[in-house]
PDB file of N, CA and C in Angstrom:
ATOM      1  N   UNK A   1      -2.755  -2.676   4.414  1.00  0.00           N
ATOM      2  CA  UNK A   1      -1.558  -3.443   4.135  1.00  0.00           C
ATOM      3  C   UNK A   1      -1.957  -4.611   3.252  1.00  0.00           C
ATOM      4  N   UNK A   2      -1.471  -4.623   2.007  1.00  0.00           N
ATOM      5  CA  UNK A   2      -1.815  -5.678   1.060  1.00  0.00           C
ATOM      6  C   UNK A   2      -0.539  -6.441   0.698  1.00  0.00           C
ATOM      7  N   UNK A   3      -0.461  -7.657   1.208  1.00  0.00           N
ATOM      8  CA  UNK A   3       0.742  -8.475   1.036  1.00  0.00           C
ATOM      9  C   UNK A   3       0.341  -9.930   1.161  1.00  0.00           C
ATOM     10  N   UNK A   4       0.741 -10.760   0.193  1.00  0.00           N
ATOM     11  CA  UNK A   4       0.367 -12.175   0.251  1.00  0.00           C
ATOM     12  C   UNK A   4       1.242 -12.980   1.210  1.00  0.00           C
ATOM     13  N   UNK A   5       2.419 -12.514   1.536  1.00  0.00           N
ATOM     14  CA  UNK A   5       3.282 -13.199   2.493  1.00  0.00           C
ATOM     15  C   UNK A   5       2.838 -12.799   3.903  1.00  0.00           C
ATOM     16  N   UNK A   6       2.236 -13.743   4.622  1.00  0.00           N
ATOM     17  CA  UNK A   6       1.645 -13.444   5.931  1.00  0.00           C
ATOM     18  C   UNK A   6       2.657 -12.881   6.927  1.00  0.00           C
ATOM     19  N   UNK A   7       3.874 -13.380   6.916  1.00  0.00           N
ATOM     20  CA  UNK A   7       4.883 -12.900   7.864  1.00  0.00           C
ATOM     21  C   UNK A   7       5.255 -11.451   7.572  1.00  0.00           C
ATOM     22  N   UNK A   8       5.478 -11.126   6.297  1.00  0.00           N
ATOM     23  CA  UNK A   8       5.785  -9.738   5.936  1.00  0.00           C
ATOM     24  C   UNK A   8       4.611  -8.814   6.236  1.00  0.00           C
ATOM     25  N   UNK A   9       3.397  -9.291   5.939  1.00  0.00           N
ATOM     26  CA  UNK A   9       2.200  -8.485   6.188  1.00  0.00           C
ATOM     27  C   UNK A   9       2.055  -8.182   7.681  1.00  0.00           C
ATOM     28  N   UNK A  10       2.195  -9.200   8.517  1.00  0.00           N
ATOM     29  CA  UNK A  10       2.055  -8.984   9.959  1.00  0.00           C
ATOM     30  C   UNK A  10       3.167  -8.099  10.503  1.00  0.00           C
ATOM     31  N   UNK A  11       4.373  -8.262   9.973  1.00  0.00           N
ATOM     32  CA  UNK A  11       5.498  -7.445  10.417  1.00  0.00           C
ATOM     33  C   UNK A  11       5.270  -5.969  10.085  1.00  0.00           C
ATOM     34  N   UNK A  12       4.914  -5.687   8.839  1.00  0.00           N
ATOM     35  CA  UNK A  12       4.672  -4.296   8.430  1.00  0.00           C
ATOM     36  C   UNK A  12       3.470  -3.715   9.168  1.00  0.00           C
ATOM     37  N   UNK A  13       2.412  -4.514   9.311  1.00  0.00           N
ATOM     38  CA  UNK A  13       1.234  -4.038  10.042  1.00  0.00           C
ATOM     39  C   UNK A  13       1.612  -3.704  11.479  1.00  0.00           C
ATOM     40  N   UNK A  14       2.439  -4.540  12.086  1.00  0.00           N
ATOM     41  CA  UNK A  14       2.891  -4.275  13.451  1.00  0.00           C
ATOM     42  C   UNK A  14       3.675  -2.981  13.559  1.00  0.00           C
ATOM     43  N   UNK A  15       4.536  -2.721  12.584  1.00  0.00           N
ATOM     44  CA  UNK A  15       5.304  -1.464  12.582  1.00  0.00           C
ATOM     45  C   UNK A  15       4.363  -0.260  12.552  1.00  0.00           C
ATOM     46  N   UNK A  16       3.344  -0.353  11.692  1.00  0.00           N
ATOM     47  CA  UNK A  16       2.398   0.757  11.552  1.00  0.00           C
ATOM     48  C   UNK A  16       1.528   0.909  12.797  1.00  0.00           C
ATOM     49  N   UNK A  17       1.075  -0.212  13.349  1.00  0.00           N
ATOM     50  CA  UNK A  17       0.255  -0.155  14.567  1.00  0.00           C
ATOM     51  C   UNK A  17       1.053   0.407  15.734  1.00  0.00           C
ATOM     52  N   UNK A  18       2.313   0.014  15.840  1.00  0.00           N
ATOM     53  CA  UNK A  18       3.170   0.537  16.907  1.00  0.00           C
ATOM     54  C   UNK A  18       3.348   2.051  16.792  1.00  0.00           C
ATOM     55  N   UNK A  19       3.221   2.570  15.568  1.00  0.00           N
ATOM     56  CA  UNK A  19       3.343   4.012  15.342  1.00  0.00           C
ATOM     57  C   UNK A  19       2.008   4.729  15.511  1.00  0.00           C
ATOM     58  N   UNK A  20       0.953   3.969  15.852  1.00  0.00           N
ATOM     59  CA  UNK A  20      -0.339   4.591  16.128  1.00  0.00           C
ATOM     60  C   UNK A  20      -1.345   4.548  14.996  1.00  0.00           C
ATOM     61  N   UNK A  21      -1.015   3.877  13.903  1.00  0.00           N
ATOM     62  CA  UNK A  21      -1.950   3.783  12.787  1.00  0.00           C
ATOM     63  C   UNK A  21      -2.893   2.603  12.974  1.00  0.00           C
ATOM     64  N   UNK A  22      -4.114   2.757  12.509  1.00  0.00           N
ATOM     65  CA  UNK A  22      -5.068   1.645  12.441  1.00  0.00           C
ATOM     66  C   UNK A  22      -4.781   0.921  11.133  1.00  0.00           C
ATOM     67  N   UNK A  23      -4.618  -0.389  11.201  1.00  0.00           N
ATOM     68  CA  UNK A  23      -4.191  -1.154  10.022  1.00  0.00           C
ATOM     69  C   UNK A  23      -5.200  -2.256   9.719  1.00  0.00           C
ATOM     70  N   UNK A  24      -5.564  -2.366   8.445  1.00  0.00           N
ATOM     71  CA  UNK A  24      -6.345  -3.486   7.941  1.00  0.00           C
ATOM     72  C   UNK A  24      -5.414  -4.299   7.061  1.00  0.00           C
ATOM     73  N   UNK A  25      -5.528  -5.612   7.136  1.00  0.00           N
ATOM     74  CA  UNK A  25      -4.652  -6.482   6.356  1.00  0.00           C
ATOM     75  C   UNK A  25      -5.438  -7.223   5.296  1.00  0.00           C
ATOM     76  N   UNK A  26      -4.827  -7.345   4.110  1.00  0.00           N
ATOM     77  CA  UNK A  26      -5.408  -8.107   3.003  1.00  0.00           C
ATOM     78  C   UNK A  26      -4.297  -8.907   2.349  1.00  0.00           C
ATOM     79  N   UNK A  27      -4.636 -10.106   1.883  1.00  0.00           N
ATOM     80  CA  UNK A  27      -3.632 -10.969   1.254  1.00  0.00           C
ATOM     81  C   UNK A  27      -3.644 -10.882  -0.265  1.00  0.00           C
ATOM     82  N   UNK A  28      -4.610 -10.156  -0.838  1.00  0.00           N
ATOM     83  CA  UNK A  28      -4.673  -9.991  -2.297  1.00  0.00           C
ATOM     84  C   UNK A  28      -5.456  -8.718  -2.611  1.00  0.00           C
ATOM     85  N   UNK A  29      -5.393  -8.311  -3.865  1.00  0.00           N
ATOM     86  CA  UNK A  29      -6.027  -7.059  -4.279  1.00  0.00           C
ATOM     87  C   UNK A  29      -7.542  -7.100  -4.140  1.00  0.00           C
ATOM     88  N   UNK A  30      -8.163  -8.232  -4.493  1.00  0.00           N
ATOM     89  CA  UNK A  30      -9.628  -8.285  -4.410  1.00  0.00           C
ATOM     90  C   UNK A  30     -10.097  -8.150  -2.965  1.00  0.00           C
ATOM     91  N   UNK A  31      -9.365  -8.738  -2.035  1.00  0.00           N
ATOM     92  CA  UNK A  31      -9.687  -8.597  -0.611  1.00  0.00           C
ATOM     93  C   UNK A  31      -9.506  -7.140  -0.176  1.00  0.00           C
ATOM     94  N   UNK A  32      -8.459  -6.505  -0.656  1.00  0.00           N
ATOM     95  CA  UNK A  32      -8.216  -5.095  -0.323  1.00  0.00           C
ATOM     96  C   UNK A  32      -9.343  -4.203  -0.841  1.00  0.00           C
ATOM     97  N   UNK A  33      -9.807  -4.471  -2.054  1.00  0.00           N
ATOM     98  CA  UNK A  33     -10.897  -3.667  -2.620  1.00  0.00           C
ATOM     99  C   UNK A  33     -12.183  -3.837  -1.813  1.00  0.00           C
ATOM    100  N   UNK A  34     -12.455  -5.028  -1.334  1.00  0.00           N
ATOM    101  CA  UNK A  34     -13.630  -5.247  -0.477  1.00  0.00           C
ATOM    102  C   UNK A  34     -13.528  -4.419   0.795  1.00  0.00           C
ATOM    103  N   UNK A  35     -12.351  -4.406   1.396  1.00  0.00           N
ATOM    104  CA  UNK A  35     -12.139  -3.633   2.619  1.00  0.00           C
ATOM    105  C   UNK A  35     -12.293  -2.144   2.339  1.00  0.00           C
ATOM    106  N   UNK A  36     -11.729  -1.679   1.227  1.00  0.00           N
ATOM    107  CA  UNK A  36     -11.839  -0.257   0.871  1.00  0.00           C
ATOM    108  C   UNK A  36     -13.291   0.157   0.667  1.00  0.00           C
ATOM    109  N   UNK A  37     -14.073  -0.698   0.025  1.00  0.00           N
ATOM    110  CA  UNK A  37     -15.485  -0.370  -0.219  1.00  0.00           C
ATOM    111  C   UNK A  37     -16.277  -0.302   1.081  1.00  0.00           C
ATOM    112  N   UNK A  38     -15.858  -1.049   2.087  1.00  0.00           N
ATOM    113  CA  UNK A  38     -16.586  -1.103   3.353  1.00  0.00           C
ATOM    114  C   UNK A  38     -16.204   0.020   4.316  1.00  0.00           C
ATOM    115  N   UNK A  39     -15.053   0.629   4.122  1.00  0.00           N
ATOM    116  CA  UNK A  39     -14.559   1.638   5.062  1.00  0.00           C
ATOM    117  C   UNK A  39     -13.872   2.742   4.277  1.00  0.00           C
ATOM    118  N   UNK A  40     -14.420   3.950   4.322  1.00  0.00           N
ATOM    119  CA  UNK A  40     -13.818   5.029   3.528  1.00  0.00           C
ATOM    120  C   UNK A  40     -12.875   5.917   4.321  1.00  0.00           C
ATOM    121  N   UNK A  41     -12.374   5.450   5.447  1.00  0.00           N
ATOM    122  CA  UNK A  41     -11.500   6.275   6.258  1.00  0.00           C
ATOM    123  C   UNK A  41     -10.019   6.045   6.061  1.00  0.00           C
ATOM    124  N   UNK A  42      -9.623   5.468   4.942  1.00  0.00           N
ATOM    125  CA  UNK A  42      -8.204   5.159   4.734  1.00  0.00           C
ATOM    126  C   UNK A  42      -7.428   6.379   4.268  1.00  0.00           C
ATOM    127  N   UNK A  43      -6.217   6.498   4.795  1.00  0.00           N
ATOM    128  CA  UNK A  43      -5.318   7.565   4.384  1.00  0.00           C
ATOM    129  C   UNK A  43      -4.278   7.068   3.398  1.00  0.00           C
ATOM    130  N   UNK A  44      -3.846   5.809   3.563  1.00  0.00           N
ATOM    131  CA  UNK A  44      -2.784   5.262   2.708  1.00  0.00           C
ATOM    132  C   UNK A  44      -2.924   3.752   2.606  1.00  0.00           C
ATOM    133  N   UNK A  45      -2.430   3.222   1.504  1.00  0.00           N
ATOM    134  CA  UNK A  45      -2.388   1.786   1.250  1.00  0.00           C
ATOM    135  C   UNK A  45      -0.945   1.421   0.932  1.00  0.00           C
ATOM    136  N   UNK A  46      -0.469   0.351   1.544  1.00  0.00           N
ATOM    137  CA  UNK A  46       0.844  -0.218   1.235  1.00  0.00           C
ATOM    138  C   UNK A  46       0.578  -1.550   0.548  1.00  0.00           C
ATOM    139  N   UNK A  47       1.031  -1.706  -0.694  1.00  0.00           N
ATOM    140  CA  UNK A  47       0.764  -2.934  -1.437  1.00  0.00           C
ATOM    141  C   UNK A  47       2.015  -3.492  -2.091  1.00  0.00           C
ATOM    142  N   UNK A  48       2.109  -4.797  -2.066  1.00  0.00           N
ATOM    143  CA  UNK A  48       3.145  -5.506  -2.804  1.00  0.00           C
ATOM    144  C   UNK A  48       2.737  -5.531  -4.277  1.00  0.00           C
ATOM    145  N   UNK A  49       3.691  -5.723  -5.179  1.00  0.00           N
ATOM    146  CA  UNK A  49       3.356  -5.829  -6.605  1.00  0.00           C
ATOM    147  C   UNK A  49       2.841  -7.223  -6.929  1.00  0.00           C
ATOM    148  N   UNK A  50       3.602  -8.238  -6.562  1.00  0.00           N
ATOM    149  CA  UNK A  50       3.238  -9.612  -6.919  1.00  0.00           C
ATOM    150  C   UNK A  50       2.329 -10.220  -5.859  1.00  0.00           C
ATOM    151  N   UNK A  51       1.109 -10.547  -6.284  1.00  0.00           N
ATOM    152  CA  UNK A  51       0.142 -11.171  -5.387  1.00  0.00           C
ATOM    153  C   UNK A  51      -0.710 -12.142  -6.191  1.00  0.00           C
ATOM    154  N   UNK A  52      -1.346 -13.094  -5.511  1.00  0.00           N
ATOM    155  CA  UNK A  52      -2.231 -14.002  -6.234  1.00  0.00           C
ATOM    156  C   UNK A  52      -3.482 -13.263  -6.716  1.00  0.00           C
ATOM    157  N   UNK A  53      -4.123 -13.832  -7.714  1.00  0.00           N
ATOM    158  CA  UNK A  53      -5.340 -13.227  -8.243  1.00  0.00           C
ATOM    159  C   UNK A  53      -5.080 -12.509  -9.547  1.00  0.00           C
ATOM    160  N   UNK A  54      -6.120 -11.923 -10.082  1.00  0.00           N
ATOM    161  CA  UNK A  54      -6.030 -11.301 -11.401  1.00  0.00           C
ATOM    162  C   UNK A  54      -5.552  -9.849 -11.361  1.00  0.00           C
ATOM    163  N   UNK A  55      -5.419  -9.277 -10.172  1.00  0.00           N
ATOM    164  CA  UNK A  55      -4.999  -7.877 -10.039  1.00  0.00           C
ATOM    165  C   UNK A  55      -3.689  -7.832  -9.263  1.00  0.00           C
ATOM    166  N   UNK A  56      -2.649  -7.281  -9.880  1.00  0.00           N
ATOM    167  CA  UNK A  56      -1.387  -7.135  -9.148  1.00  0.00           C
ATOM    168  C   UNK A  56      -1.380  -5.789  -8.420  1.00  0.00           C
ATOM    169  N   UNK A  57      -0.301  -5.522  -7.698  1.00  0.00           N
ATOM    170  CA  UNK A  57      -0.229  -4.311  -6.903  1.00  0.00           C
ATOM    171  C   UNK A  57      -0.234  -3.027  -7.706  1.00  0.00           C
ATOM    172  N   UNK A  58       0.345  -3.043  -8.890  1.00  0.00           N
ATOM    173  CA  UNK A  58       0.334  -1.830  -9.722  1.00  0.00           C
ATOM    174  C   UNK A  58      -1.074  -1.554 -10.229  1.00  0.00           C
ATOM    175  N   UNK A  59      -1.766  -2.590 -10.689  1.00  0.00           N
ATOM    176  CA  UNK A  59      -3.161  -2.412 -11.133  1.00  0.00           C
ATOM    177  C   UNK A  59      -4.032  -1.966  -9.960  1.00  0.00           C
ATOM    178  N   UNK A  60      -3.792  -2.529  -8.779  1.00  0.00           N
ATOM    179  CA  UNK A  60      -4.532  -2.107  -7.593  1.00  0.00           C
ATOM    180  C   UNK A  60      -4.275  -0.631  -7.303  1.00  0.00           C
ATOM    181  N   UNK A  61      -3.038  -0.210  -7.402  1.00  0.00           N
ATOM    182  CA  UNK A  61      -2.700   1.198  -7.158  1.00  0.00           C
ATOM    183  C   UNK A  61      -3.442   2.117  -8.116  1.00  0.00           C
ATOM    184  N   UNK A  62      -3.497   1.741  -9.388  1.00  0.00           N
ATOM    185  CA  UNK A  62      -4.232   2.554 -10.372  1.00  0.00           C
ATOM    186  C   UNK A  62      -5.729   2.581 -10.052  1.00  0.00           C
ATOM    187  N   UNK A  63      -6.268   1.462  -9.625  1.00  0.00           N
ATOM    188  CA  UNK A  63      -7.694   1.386  -9.265  1.00  0.00           C
ATOM    189  C   UNK A  63      -7.985   2.280  -8.066  1.00  0.00           C
ATOM    190  N   UNK A  64      -7.108   2.233  -7.065  1.00  0.00           N
ATOM    191  CA  UNK A  64      -7.285   3.083  -5.882  1.00  0.00           C
ATOM    192  C   UNK A  64      -7.213   4.547  -6.285  1.00  0.00           C
ATOM    193  N   UNK A  65      -6.246   4.894  -7.113  1.00  0.00           N
ATOM    194  CA  UNK A  65      -6.100   6.286  -7.541  1.00  0.00           C
ATOM    195  C   UNK A  65      -7.341   6.762  -8.295  1.00  0.00           C
ATOM    196  N   UNK A  66      -7.927   5.887  -9.118  1.00  0.00           N
ATOM    197  CA  UNK A  66      -9.117   6.245  -9.893  1.00  0.00           C
ATOM    198  C   UNK A  66     -10.361   6.363  -9.005  1.00  0.00           C
ATOM    199  N   UNK A  67     -10.530   5.426  -8.067  1.00  0.00           N
ATOM    200  CA  UNK A  67     -11.753   5.377  -7.264  1.00  0.00           C
ATOM    201  C   UNK A  67     -11.674   6.155  -5.956  1.00  0.00           C
ATOM    202  N   UNK A  68     -10.483   6.253  -5.385  1.00  0.00           N
ATOM    203  CA  UNK A  68     -10.280   6.945  -4.109  1.00  0.00           C
ATOM    204  C   UNK A  68      -9.023   7.821  -4.226  1.00  0.00           C
ATOM    205  N   UNK A  69      -9.083   8.905  -4.971  1.00  0.00           N
ATOM    206  CA  UNK A  69      -7.872   9.696  -5.256  1.00  0.00           C
ATOM    207  C   UNK A  69      -7.220  10.327  -4.029  1.00  0.00           C
ATOM    208  N   UNK A  70      -7.915  10.388  -2.912  1.00  0.00           N
ATOM    209  CA  UNK A  70      -7.322  10.989  -1.711  1.00  0.00           C
ATOM    210  C   UNK A  70      -6.516   9.992  -0.882  1.00  0.00           C
ATOM    211  N   UNK A  71      -6.543   8.709  -1.263  1.00  0.00           N
ATOM    212  CA  UNK A  71      -5.776   7.700  -0.533  1.00  0.00           C
ATOM    213  C   UNK A  71      -4.360   7.622  -1.125  1.00  0.00           C
ATOM    214  N   UNK A  72      -3.366   7.780  -0.286  1.00  0.00           N
ATOM    215  CA  UNK A  72      -1.984   7.648  -0.723  1.00  0.00           C
ATOM    216  C   UNK A  72      -1.643   6.187  -0.979  1.00  0.00           C
ATOM    217  N   UNK A  73      -0.741   5.937  -1.932  1.00  0.00           N
ATOM    218  CA  UNK A  73      -0.385   4.568  -2.297  1.00  0.00           C
ATOM    219  C   UNK A  73       1.129   4.385  -2.243  1.00  0.00           C
ATOM    220  N   UNK A  74       1.530   3.344  -1.511  1.00  0.00           N
ATOM    221  CA  UNK A  74       2.929   2.934  -1.454  1.00  0.00           C
ATOM    222  C   UNK A  74       2.997   1.547  -2.080  1.00  0.00           C
ATOM    223  N   UNK A  75       3.851   1.395  -3.064  1.00  0.00           N
ATOM    224  CA  UNK A  75       4.005   0.117  -3.762  1.00  0.00           C
ATOM    225  C   UNK A  75       5.383  -0.426  -3.421  1.00  0.00           C
ATOM    226  N   UNK A  76       5.443  -1.727  -3.160  1.00  0.00           N
ATOM    227  CA  UNK A  76       6.711  -2.324  -2.773  1.00  0.00           C
ATOM    228  C   UNK A  76       6.947  -3.641  -3.496  1.00  0.00           C
ATOM    229  N   UNK A  77       8.211  -3.982  -3.688  1.00  0.00           N
ATOM    230  CA  UNK A  77       8.576  -5.258  -4.300  1.00  0.00           C
ATOM    231  C   UNK A  77      10.037  -5.543  -4.000  1.00  0.00           C
ATOM    232  N   UNK A  78      10.325  -6.825  -3.898  1.00  0.00           N
ATOM    233  CA  UNK A  78      11.714  -7.246  -3.751  1.00  0.00           C
ATOM    234  C   UNK A  78      12.292  -7.735  -5.056  1.00  0.00           C
ATOM    235  N   UNK A  79      11.448  -7.817  -6.089  1.00  0.00           N
ATOM    236  CA  UNK A  79      11.904  -8.355  -7.376  1.00  0.00           C
ATOM    237  C   UNK A  79      11.815  -7.366  -8.529  1.00  0.00           C
ATOM    238  N   UNK A  80      10.928  -6.393  -8.441  1.00  0.00           N
ATOM    239  CA  UNK A  80      10.710  -5.473  -9.550  1.00  0.00           C
ATOM    240  C   UNK A  80      10.931  -4.035  -9.111  1.00  0.00           C
ATOM    241  N   UNK A  81      11.408  -3.241 -10.033  1.00  0.00           N
ATOM    242  CA  UNK A  81      11.539  -1.797  -9.829  1.00  0.00           C
ATOM    243  C   UNK A  81      10.728  -1.138 -10.938  1.00  0.00           C
ATOM    244  N   UNK A  82       9.460  -0.807 -10.676  1.00  0.00           N
ATOM    245  CA  UNK A  82       8.646  -0.215 -11.735  1.00  0.00           C
ATOM    246  C   UNK A  82       9.149   1.166 -12.119  1.00  0.00           C
ATOM    247  N   UNK A  83       8.956   1.503 -13.385  1.00  0.00           N
ATOM    248  CA  UNK A  83       9.297   2.844 -13.834  1.00  0.00           C
ATOM    249  C   UNK A  83       8.268   3.836 -13.339  1.00  0.00           C
ATOM    250  N   UNK A  84       8.642   5.073 -13.245  1.00  0.00           N
ATOM    251  CA  UNK A  84       7.705   6.086 -12.745  1.00  0.00           C
ATOM    252  C   UNK A  84       6.472   6.197 -13.631  1.00  0.00           C
ATOM    253  N   UNK A  85       6.612   5.850 -14.922  1.00  0.00           N
ATOM    254  CA  UNK A  85       5.466   5.903 -15.830  1.00  0.00           C
ATOM    255  C   UNK A  85       4.475   4.763 -15.577  1.00  0.00           C
ATOM    256  N   UNK A  86       4.865   3.751 -14.809  1.00  0.00           N
ATOM    257  CA  UNK A  86       3.970   2.634 -14.486  1.00  0.00           C
ATOM    258  C   UNK A  86       3.125   2.910 -13.242  1.00  0.00           C
ATOM    259  N   UNK A  87       3.535   3.880 -12.441  1.00  0.00           N
ATOM    260  CA  UNK A  87       2.858   4.158 -11.174  1.00  0.00           C
ATOM    261  C   UNK A  87       1.828   5.264 -11.343  1.00  0.00           C
ATOM    262  N   UNK A  88       0.741   5.199 -10.570  1.00  0.00           N
ATOM    263  CA  UNK A  88      -0.203   6.315 -10.614  1.00  0.00           C
ATOM    264  C   UNK A  88       0.426   7.574 -10.030  1.00  0.00           C
ATOM    265  N   UNK A  89      -0.109   8.692 -10.397  1.00  0.00           N
ATOM    266  CA  UNK A  89       0.401   9.971  -9.923  1.00  0.00           C
ATOM    267  C   UNK A  89       0.421   9.999  -8.398  1.00  0.00           C
ATOM    268  N   UNK A  90       1.549  10.380  -7.841  1.00  0.00           N
ATOM    269  CA  UNK A  90       1.670  10.514  -6.399  1.00  0.00           C
ATOM    270  C   UNK A  90       2.036   9.240  -5.658  1.00  0.00           C
ATOM    271  N   UNK A  91       2.022   8.089  -6.339  1.00  0.00           N
ATOM    272  CA  UNK A  91       2.376   6.837  -5.669  1.00  0.00           C
ATOM    273  C   UNK A  91       3.878   6.812  -5.397  1.00  0.00           C
ATOM    274  N   UNK A  92       4.240   6.106  -4.346  1.00  0.00           N
ATOM    275  CA  UNK A  92       5.647   5.978  -3.951  1.00  0.00           C
ATOM    276  C   UNK A  92       6.036   4.510  -4.052  1.00  0.00           C
ATOM    277  N   UNK A  93       7.240   4.249  -4.573  1.00  0.00           N
ATOM    278  CA  UNK A  93       7.764   2.887  -4.604  1.00  0.00           C
ATOM    279  C   UNK A  93       8.907   2.779  -3.611  1.00  0.00           C
ATOM    280  N   UNK A  94       8.891   1.705  -2.796  1.00  0.00           N
ATOM    281  CA  UNK A  94      10.034   1.370  -1.952  1.00  0.00           C
ATOM    282  C   UNK A  94      10.348  -0.110  -2.151  1.00  0.00           C
ATOM    283  N   UNK A  95      11.622  -0.403  -2.258  1.00  0.00           N
ATOM    284  CA  UNK A  95      12.045  -1.782  -2.462  1.00  0.00           C
ATOM    285  C   UNK A  95      12.103  -2.565  -1.164  1.00  0.00           C
ATOM    286  N   UNK A  96      11.979  -3.868  -1.306  1.00  0.00           N
ATOM    287  CA  UNK A  96      12.157  -4.780  -0.163  1.00  0.00           C
ATOM    288  C   UNK A  96      13.611  -5.213  -0.135  1.00  0.00           C
ATOM    289  N   UNK A  97      14.177  -5.450   0.984  1.00  0.00           N
ATOM    290  CA  UNK A  97      13.557  -5.285   2.290  1.00  0.00           C
ATOM    291  C   UNK A  97      13.498  -3.808   2.662  1.00  0.00           C
ATOM    292  N   UNK A  98      12.423  -3.427   3.305  1.00  0.00           N
ATOM    293  CA  UNK A  98      12.265  -2.048   3.743  1.00  0.00           C
ATOM    294  C   UNK A  98      12.364  -2.002   5.263  1.00  0.00           C
ATOM    295  N   UNK A  99      12.666  -0.834   5.751  1.00  0.00           N
ATOM    296  CA  UNK A  99      12.808  -0.655   7.198  1.00  0.00           C
ATOM    297  C   UNK A  99      11.571   0.037   7.766  1.00  0.00           C
ATOM    298  N   UNK A 100      11.499   0.041   9.062  1.00  0.00           N
ATOM    299  CA  UNK A 100      10.418   0.756   9.753  1.00  0.00           C
ATOM    300  C   UNK A 100      10.457   2.237   9.355  1.00  0.00           C
ATOM    301  N   UNK A 101      11.660   2.790   9.294  1.00  0.00           N
ATOM    302  CA  UNK A 101      11.823   4.194   8.915  1.00  0.00           C
ATOM    303  C   UNK A 101      11.320   4.438   7.496  1.00  0.00           C
ATOM    304  N   UNK A 102      11.608   3.510   6.567  1.00  0.00           N
ATOM    305  CA  UNK A 102      11.125   3.639   5.187  1.00  0.00           C
ATOM    306  C   UNK A 102       9.603   3.735   5.151  1.00  0.00           C
ATOM    307  N   UNK A 103       8.955   2.756   5.795  1.00  0.00           N
ATOM    308  CA  UNK A 103       7.490   2.696   5.755  1.00  0.00           C
ATOM    309  C   UNK A 103       6.873   3.905   6.443  1.00  0.00           C
ATOM    310  N   UNK A 104       7.316   4.194   7.638  1.00  0.00           N
ATOM    311  CA  UNK A 104       6.715   5.303   8.377  1.00  0.00           C
ATOM    312  C   UNK A 104       6.959   6.643   7.693  1.00  0.00           C
ATOM    313  N   UNK A 105       8.126   6.811   7.084  1.00  0.00           N
ATOM    314  CA  UNK A 105       8.402   8.047   6.355  1.00  0.00           C
ATOM    315  C   UNK A 105       7.470   8.221   5.173  1.00  0.00           C
ATOM    316  N   UNK A 106       7.249   7.144   4.426  1.00  0.00           N
ATOM    317  CA  UNK A 106       6.346   7.211   3.270  1.00  0.00           C
ATOM    318  C   UNK A 106       4.905   7.459   3.705  1.00  0.00           C
ATOM    319  N   UNK A 107       4.454   6.741   4.726  1.00  0.00           N
ATOM    320  CA  UNK A 107       3.077   6.928   5.206  1.00  0.00           C
ATOM    321  C   UNK A 107       2.898   8.351   5.712  1.00  0.00           C
ATOM    322  N   UNK A 108       3.857   8.841   6.468  1.00  0.00           N
ATOM    323  CA  UNK A 108       3.778  10.216   6.976  1.00  0.00           C
ATOM    324  C   UNK A 108       3.689  11.213   5.816  1.00  0.00           C
ATOM    325  N   UNK A 109       4.522  11.042   4.818  1.00  0.00           N
ATOM    326  CA  UNK A 109       4.522  11.950   3.676  1.00  0.00           C
ATOM    327  C   UNK A 109       3.176  11.924   2.949  1.00  0.00           C
ATOM    328  N   UNK A 110       2.602  10.737   2.782  1.00  0.00           N
ATOM    329  CA  UNK A 110       1.339  10.603   2.046  1.00  0.00           C
ATOM    330  C   UNK A 110       0.121  11.049   2.841  1.00  0.00           C
ATOM    331  N   UNK A 111       0.243  11.116   4.157  1.00  0.00           N
ATOM    332  CA  UNK A 111      -0.916  11.459   4.963  1.00  0.00           C
ATOM    333  C   UNK A 111      -0.898  12.896   5.480  1.00  0.00           C
ATOM    334  N   UNK A 112       0.087  13.666   5.056  1.00  0.00           N
ATOM    335  CA  UNK A 112       0.090  15.080   5.430  1.00  0.00           C
ATOM    336  C   UNK A 112      -1.100  15.767   4.765  1.00  0.00           C
ATOM    337  N   UNK A 113      -1.691  16.736   5.428  1.00  0.00           N
ATOM    338  CA  UNK A 113      -2.809  17.462   4.805  1.00  0.00           C
ATOM    339  C   UNK A 113      -2.385  18.071   3.478  1.00  0.00           C
ATOM    340  N   UNK A 114      -3.287  17.974   2.504  1.00  0.00           N
ATOM    341  CA  UNK A 114      -3.006  18.533   1.167  1.00  0.00           C
ATOM    342  C   UNK A 114      -3.721  19.868   1.019  1.00  0.00           C
ATOM    343  N   UNK A 115      -3.128  20.725   0.194  1.00  0.00           N
ATOM    344  CA  UNK A 115      -3.743  22.051  -0.045  1.00  0.00           C
ATOM    345  C   UNK A 115      -4.977  21.913  -0.904  1.00  0.00           C
TER     346      UNK A 115
END
């Protein structure tokens, strides 16, 4: 869960944990990349677009797709609606505010076994 707003991050992480997922939290892309390098067991990443630092959520999504292509990526924003050509292949965009059903549905879809 990559989100600079601590309340939103804790809320979304709580939704995922309540559904049985193990969740790591990061407040920016560079922190998320450190966590990814330390643990290769991730199935999906949920990231906001606007975050502090030199890497935004879309750039982070492309980096994840390039370095860890088996990790699903969900990108979210309350201010921007990226075009499909801006997202890496297979990434999903959901707008804020999102519901528990939105997040869990996307995570479930991205973590299904692939052929």
